[in-house]
Amino acid sequence: MLEKIIGAFKESAEVKLAFVELYKDQIYQVGSIMATALKDGNKILLFGNGGSAADAQHIAAEIVGRYRKERKGLPAIALTTDTSILTAVGNDYGFETIFERQIEALCLPGDVAIGITTSGNSENVVRGLRKAHDLGATTVAFTGRNGGKVAQIAHYTFVVPSYETPRIQECHITLGHVLCEIIDDML
């Protein structure tokens, strides 16, 4: 059992190191875009399902509250938190539209929309990113495996080089933290 525990930590570290080698420049670029959007009075919109929903909420909380530096609250919304909207839209229009509908209502040109999906193929995330793209937001996809459908939609796509959902999610939350650090440093 001890070998399994050590193996999980090693695998997580290896995936993260491979990821950062692939995307270090793009991570800085997206962090800069997010900081500029916030400085210009725009907002960050985040969404995903399951563990990705929790990651969206976690990252939004770091932006609104604070990450490491004491600063004013910044506008970030996790579209996964309002159960009344989720159930009403899901019931009336279908689960695949829950993020698209919220993006339609809240997203403005200059905002940044971040869709999180480990497979890259969650239809509600795909549709949310597509709508944000159409509305003039900068779109960012956090995904894994082979990138899936979101890789064809988002302006910036971060594909974690793994097919293991836990490793993908661990990398996504680290990416979110690094983007928060860039925002803190730039603002």
C-alpha atoms as a PDB file:
ATOM      1  CA  MET A   1       0.000   0.000   0.000  1.00  0.00           C
ATOM      2  CA  LEU A   2       2.864   2.385   0.785  1.00  0.00           C
ATOM      3  CA  GLU A   3       4.167   1.980  -2.782  1.00  0.00           C
ATOM      4  CA  LYS A   4       0.727   2.885  -4.135  1.00  0.00           C
ATOM      5  CA  ILE A   5       0.644   6.053  -2.022  1.00  0.00           C
ATOM      6  CA  ILE A   6       4.138   7.113  -3.105  1.00  0.00           C
ATOM      7  CA  GLY A   7       3.267   6.228  -6.707  1.00  0.00           C
ATOM      8  CA  ALA A   8       0.232   8.519  -6.700  1.00  0.00           C
ATOM      9  CA  PHE A   9       2.310  11.476  -5.497  1.00  0.00           C
ATOM     10  CA  LYS A  10       5.057  10.759  -8.040  1.00  0.00           C
ATOM     11  CA  GLU A  11       2.563  10.448 -10.868  1.00  0.00           C
ATOM     12  CA  SER A  12       0.905  13.737  -9.856  1.00  0.00           C
ATOM     13  CA  ALA A  13       4.269  15.524  -9.782  1.00  0.00           C
ATOM     14  CA  GLU A  14       5.317  14.063 -13.146  1.00  0.00           C
ATOM     15  CA  VAL A  15       2.071  15.127 -14.807  1.00  0.00           C
ATOM     16  CA  LYS A  16       2.399  18.662 -13.417  1.00  0.00           C
ATOM     17  CA  LEU A  17       6.029  18.964 -14.531  1.00  0.00           C
ATOM     18  CA  ALA A  18       5.176  17.736 -18.044  1.00  0.00           C
ATOM     19  CA  PHE A  19       2.237  20.169 -18.143  1.00  0.00           C
ATOM     20  CA  VAL A  20       4.245  23.227 -17.117  1.00  0.00           C
ATOM     21  CA  GLU A  21       6.919  22.430 -19.722  1.00  0.00           C
ATOM     22  CA  LEU A  22       4.232  22.405 -22.410  1.00  0.00           C
ATOM     23  CA  TYR A  23       2.352  25.513 -21.280  1.00  0.00           C
ATOM     24  CA  LYS A  24       4.582  27.833 -19.214  1.00  0.00           C
ATOM     25  CA  ASP A  25       4.432  30.678 -21.755  1.00  0.00           C
ATOM     26  CA  GLN A  26       0.708  30.286 -22.344  1.00  0.00           C
ATOM     27  CA  ILE A  27       0.037  30.203 -18.587  1.00  0.00           C
ATOM     28  CA  TYR A  28       1.722  33.572 -18.199  1.00  0.00           C
ATOM     29  CA  GLN A  29      -0.132  34.936 -21.235  1.00  0.00           C
ATOM     30  CA  VAL A  30      -3.549  33.850 -19.913  1.00  0.00           C
ATOM     31  CA  GLY A  31      -2.742  35.160 -16.424  1.00  0.00           C
ATOM     32  CA  SER A  32      -1.851  38.509 -18.016  1.00  0.00           C
ATOM     33  CA  ILE A  33      -5.096  38.542 -20.003  1.00  0.00           C
ATOM     34  CA  MET A  34      -7.065  37.808 -16.833  1.00  0.00           C
ATOM     35  CA  ALA A  35      -5.269  40.562 -14.893  1.00  0.00           C
ATOM     36  CA  THR A  36      -5.842  43.064 -17.703  1.00  0.00           C
ATOM     37  CA  ALA A  37      -9.521  42.116 -17.924  1.00  0.00           C
ATOM     38  CA  LEU A  38      -9.932  42.662 -14.181  1.00  0.00           C
ATOM     39  CA  LYS A  39      -7.993  45.945 -14.288  1.00  0.00           C
ATOM     40  CA  ASP A  40     -10.306  47.117 -17.090  1.00  0.00           C
ATOM     41  CA  GLY A  41     -13.427  46.406 -15.033  1.00  0.00           C
ATOM     42  CA  ASN A  42     -14.323  43.068 -16.584  1.00  0.00           C
ATOM     43  CA  LYS A  43     -14.959  39.774 -14.790  1.00  0.00           C
ATOM     44  CA  ILE A  44     -13.906  36.139 -14.781  1.00  0.00           C
ATOM     45  CA  LEU A  45     -16.633  33.502 -15.278  1.00  0.00           C
ATOM     46  CA  LEU A  46     -15.807  29.882 -14.398  1.00  0.00           C
ATOM     47  CA  PHE A  47     -17.788  26.684 -14.851  1.00  0.00           C
ATOM     48  CA  GLY A  48     -17.574  22.898 -14.902  1.00  0.00           C
ATOM     49  CA  ASN A  49     -19.266  19.751 -13.570  1.00  0.00           C
ATOM     50  CA  GLY A  50     -18.556  17.626 -10.484  1.00  0.00           C
ATOM     51  CA  GLY A  51     -14.966  18.073  -9.307  1.00  0.00           C
ATOM     52  CA  SER A  52     -14.509  20.695 -12.019  1.00  0.00           C
ATOM     53  CA  ALA A  53     -17.445  22.622 -10.537  1.00  0.00           C
ATOM     54  CA  ALA A  54     -15.633  22.573  -7.196  1.00  0.00           C
ATOM     55  CA  ASP A  55     -12.451  23.786  -8.915  1.00  0.00           C
ATOM     56  CA  ALA A  56     -14.385  26.634 -10.579  1.00  0.00           C
ATOM     57  CA  GLN A  57     -15.749  27.662  -7.185  1.00  0.00           C
ATOM     58  CA  HIS A  58     -12.332  27.404  -5.547  1.00  0.00           C
ATOM     59  CA  ILE A  59     -10.631  29.590  -8.168  1.00  0.00           C
ATOM     60  CA  ALA A  60     -13.460  32.166  -8.109  1.00  0.00           C
ATOM     61  CA  ALA A  61     -13.145  32.358  -4.308  1.00  0.00           C
ATOM     62  CA  GLU A  62      -9.393  33.000  -4.571  1.00  0.00           C
ATOM     63  CA  ILE A  63     -10.032  35.861  -7.026  1.00  0.00           C
ATOM     64  CA  VAL A  64     -12.902  37.441  -5.092  1.00  0.00           C
ATOM     65  CA  GLY A  65     -11.318  36.989  -1.669  1.00  0.00           C
ATOM     66  CA  ARG A  66      -7.591  37.024  -2.009  1.00  0.00           C
ATOM     67  CA  TYR A  67      -4.931  34.605  -3.029  1.00  0.00           C
ATOM     68  CA  ARG A  68      -1.712  35.542  -1.246  1.00  0.00           C
ATOM     69  CA  LYS A  69      -1.660  39.321  -1.258  1.00  0.00           C
ATOM     70  CA  GLU A  70      -4.057  41.585   0.555  1.00  0.00           C
ATOM     71  CA  ARG A  71      -5.978  43.468  -2.135  1.00  0.00           C
ATOM     72  CA  LYS A  72      -9.493  44.546  -3.014  1.00  0.00           C
ATOM     73  CA  GLY A  73     -11.969  41.877  -4.070  1.00  0.00           C
ATOM     74  CA  LEU A  74     -12.038  41.189  -7.789  1.00  0.00           C
ATOM     75  CA  PRO A  75     -15.081  40.119  -9.841  1.00  0.00           C
ATOM     76  CA  ALA A  76     -15.189  36.382 -10.480  1.00  0.00           C
ATOM     77  CA  ILE A  77     -18.293  34.192 -10.626  1.00  0.00           C
ATOM     78  CA  ALA A  78     -18.521  30.405 -10.485  1.00  0.00           C
ATOM     79  CA  LEU A  79     -21.590  29.574 -12.576  1.00  0.00           C
ATOM     80  CA  THR A  80     -21.927  26.325 -10.648  1.00  0.00           C
ATOM     81  CA  THR A  81     -23.162  27.760  -7.356  1.00  0.00           C
ATOM     82  CA  ASP A  82     -26.752  28.900  -7.905  1.00  0.00           C
ATOM     83  CA  THR A  83     -28.913  25.800  -7.538  1.00  0.00           C
ATOM     84  CA  SER A  84     -32.072  27.695  -8.477  1.00  0.00           C
ATOM     85  CA  ILE A  85     -30.589  28.695 -11.830  1.00  0.00           C
ATOM     86  CA  LEU A  86     -29.080  25.253 -12.403  1.00  0.00           C
ATOM     87  CA  THR A  87     -32.328  23.430 -11.715  1.00  0.00           C
ATOM     88  CA  ALA A  88     -34.629  25.928 -13.451  1.00  0.00           C
ATOM     89  CA  VAL A  89     -32.536  26.128 -16.609  1.00  0.00           C
ATOM     90  CA  GLY A  90     -31.845  22.391 -16.518  1.00  0.00           C
ATOM     91  CA  ASN A  91     -35.556  21.656 -16.160  1.00  0.00           C
ATOM     92  CA  ASP A  92     -36.819  24.214 -18.678  1.00  0.00           C
ATOM     93  CA  TYR A  93     -34.089  24.073 -21.330  1.00  0.00           C
ATOM     94  CA  GLY A  94     -32.005  20.963 -20.611  1.00  0.00           C
ATOM     95  CA  PHE A  95     -28.867  20.277 -18.586  1.00  0.00           C
ATOM     96  CA  GLU A  96     -26.642  20.906 -21.622  1.00  0.00           C
ATOM     97  CA  THR A  97     -27.698  24.596 -21.606  1.00  0.00           C
ATOM     98  CA  ILE A  98     -27.065  25.508 -17.953  1.00  0.00           C
ATOM     99  CA  PHE A  99     -23.786  27.351 -18.581  1.00  0.00           C
ATOM    100  CA  GLU A 100     -24.706  28.674 -22.023  1.00  0.00           C
ATOM    101  CA  ARG A 101     -27.787  30.380 -20.572  1.00  0.00           C
ATOM    102  CA  GLN A 102     -25.830  31.958 -17.701  1.00  0.00           C
ATOM    103  CA  ILE A 103     -23.104  33.123 -20.085  1.00  0.00           C
ATOM    104  CA  GLU A 104     -25.791  34.669 -22.288  1.00  0.00           C
ATOM    105  CA  ALA A 105     -27.095  36.597 -19.267  1.00  0.00           C
ATOM    106  CA  LEU A 106     -23.807  37.616 -17.636  1.00  0.00           C
ATOM    107  CA  CYS A 107     -20.954  37.642 -20.156  1.00  0.00           C
ATOM    108  CA  LEU A 108     -19.768  40.836 -21.824  1.00  0.00           C
ATOM    109  CA  PRO A 109     -17.010  41.508 -24.345  1.00  0.00           C
ATOM    110  CA  GLY A 110     -13.725  41.736 -22.459  1.00  0.00           C
ATOM    111  CA  ASP A 111     -14.697  39.155 -19.826  1.00  0.00           C
ATOM    112  CA  VAL A 112     -12.759  35.905 -19.479  1.00  0.00           C
ATOM    113  CA  ALA A 113     -14.731  32.632 -19.477  1.00  0.00           C
ATOM    114  CA  ILE A 114     -12.994  29.525 -18.151  1.00  0.00           C
ATOM    115  CA  GLY A 115     -14.611  26.159 -18.866  1.00  0.00           C
ATOM    116  CA  ILE A 116     -13.255  23.178 -16.937  1.00  0.00           C
ATOM    117  CA  THR A 117     -13.836  19.623 -18.199  1.00  0.00           C
ATOM    118  CA  THR A 118     -11.485  16.697 -17.695  1.00  0.00           C
ATOM    119  CA  SER A 119     -12.709  14.995 -20.891  1.00  0.00           C
ATOM    120  CA  GLY A 120     -13.060  18.143 -22.969  1.00  0.00           C
ATOM    121  CA  ASN A 121     -16.449  16.912 -24.132  1.00  0.00           C
ATOM    122  CA  SER A 122     -18.964  17.957 -21.454  1.00  0.00           C
ATOM    123  CA  GLU A 123     -21.722  19.379 -23.637  1.00  0.00           C
ATOM    124  CA  ASN A 124     -22.760  22.094 -21.175  1.00  0.00           C
ATOM    125  CA  VAL A 125     -19.159  23.319 -20.926  1.00  0.00           C
ATOM    126  CA  VAL A 126     -18.715  23.168 -24.706  1.00  0.00           C
ATOM    127  CA  ARG A 127     -21.872  25.235 -25.215  1.00  0.00           C
ATOM    128  CA  GLY A 128     -20.908  27.716 -22.488  1.00  0.00           C
ATOM    129  CA  LEU A 129     -17.498  28.316 -24.054  1.00  0.00           C
ATOM    130  CA  ARG A 130     -19.001  28.634 -27.534  1.00  0.00           C
ATOM    131  CA  LYS A 131     -21.521  31.243 -26.309  1.00  0.00           C
ATOM    132  CA  ALA A 132     -18.794  33.204 -24.470  1.00  0.00           C
ATOM    133  CA  HIS A 133     -16.635  33.137 -27.609  1.00  0.00           C
ATOM    134  CA  ASP A 134     -19.563  34.428 -29.686  1.00  0.00           C
ATOM    135  CA  LEU A 135     -20.172  37.240 -27.170  1.00  0.00           C
ATOM    136  CA  GLY A 136     -16.590  38.515 -27.412  1.00  0.00           C
ATOM    137  CA  ALA A 137     -15.110  37.090 -24.233  1.00  0.00           C
ATOM    138  CA  THR A 138     -11.680  35.521 -24.089  1.00  0.00           C
ATOM    139  CA  THR A 139     -12.284  31.800 -23.663  1.00  0.00           C
ATOM    140  CA  VAL A 140     -10.042  29.393 -21.786  1.00  0.00           C
ATOM    141  CA  ALA A 141     -10.457  25.619 -21.483  1.00  0.00           C
ATOM    142  CA  PHE A 142      -8.902  23.488 -18.754  1.00  0.00           C
ATOM    143  CA  THR A 143      -9.067  19.891 -19.968  1.00  0.00           C
ATOM    144  CA  GLY A 144      -7.181  16.621 -20.200  1.00  0.00           C
ATOM    145  CA  ARG A 145      -6.902  13.484 -22.292  1.00  0.00           C
ATOM    146  CA  ASN A 146      -6.806  14.642 -25.941  1.00  0.00           C
ATOM    147  CA  GLY A 147      -8.449  18.047 -25.406  1.00  0.00           C
ATOM    148  CA  GLY A 148     -11.859  17.017 -26.689  1.00  0.00           C
ATOM    149  CA  LYS A 149     -14.338  19.412 -28.289  1.00  0.00           C
ATOM    150  CA  VAL A 150     -13.339  22.403 -26.147  1.00  0.00           C
ATOM    151  CA  ALA A 151      -9.915  22.453 -27.800  1.00  0.00           C
ATOM    152  CA  GLN A 152     -11.626  23.506 -31.026  1.00  0.00           C
ATOM    153  CA  ILE A 153     -13.593  26.331 -29.380  1.00  0.00           C
ATOM    154  CA  ALA A 154     -11.465  28.074 -26.766  1.00  0.00           C
ATOM    155  CA  HIS A 155      -8.963  30.789 -27.550  1.00  0.00           C
ATOM    156  CA  TYR A 156      -6.589  29.110 -25.066  1.00  0.00           C
ATOM    157  CA  THR A 157      -6.667  25.424 -24.177  1.00  0.00           C
ATOM    158  CA  PHE A 158      -4.675  23.746 -21.430  1.00  0.00           C
ATOM    159  CA  VAL A 159      -4.626  19.975 -21.999  1.00  0.00           C
ATOM    160  CA  VAL A 160      -3.229  18.044 -19.043  1.00  0.00           C
ATOM    161  CA  PRO A 161      -1.154  15.180 -20.505  1.00  0.00           C
ATOM    162  CA  SER A 162      -3.021  12.402 -18.706  1.00  0.00           C
ATOM    163  CA  TYR A 163      -6.067  10.178 -19.040  1.00  0.00           C
ATOM    164  CA  GLU A 164      -6.406   9.844 -15.252  1.00  0.00           C
ATOM    165  CA  THR A 165      -9.151  12.120 -13.927  1.00  0.00           C
ATOM    166  CA  PRO A 166      -7.538  12.639 -10.483  1.00  0.00           C
ATOM    167  CA  ARG A 167      -4.219  13.711 -12.054  1.00  0.00           C
ATOM    168  CA  ILE A 168      -6.040  16.047 -14.473  1.00  0.00           C
ATOM    169  CA  GLN A 169      -7.993  17.658 -11.622  1.00  0.00           C
ATOM    170  CA  GLU A 170      -4.856  18.065  -9.497  1.00  0.00           C
ATOM    171  CA  CYS A 171      -3.181  19.881 -12.350  1.00  0.00           C
ATOM    172  CA  HIS A 172      -6.247  22.076 -12.975  1.00  0.00           C
ATOM    173  CA  ILE A 173      -6.296  23.370  -9.407  1.00  0.00           C
ATOM    174  CA  THR A 174      -2.543  24.047  -9.531  1.00  0.00           C
ATOM    175  CA  LEU A 175      -3.074  25.934 -12.803  1.00  0.00           C
ATOM    176  CA  GLY A 176      -5.853  27.948 -11.167  1.00  0.00           C
ATOM    177  CA  HIS A 177      -3.587  28.826  -8.248  1.00  0.00           C
ATOM    178  CA  VAL A 178      -0.757  29.901 -10.558  1.00  0.00           C
ATOM    179  CA  LEU A 179      -3.148  32.114 -12.548  1.00  0.00           C
ATOM    180  CA  CYS A 180      -4.281  33.707  -9.253  1.00  0.00           C
ATOM    181  CA  GLU A 181      -0.653  34.356  -8.365  1.00  0.00           C
ATOM    182  CA  ILE A 182      -0.069  36.065 -11.723  1.00  0.00           C
ATOM    183  CA  ILE A 183      -3.168  38.221 -11.133  1.00  0.00           C
ATOM    184  CA  ASP A 184      -1.929  39.170  -7.666  1.00  0.00           C
ATOM    185  CA  ASP A 185       1.520  40.056  -9.016  1.00  0.00           C
ATOM    186  CA  MET A 186       0.157  42.132 -11.902  1.00  0.00           C
ATOM    187  CA  LEU A 187      -2.439  44.033  -9.886  1.00  0.00           C
END
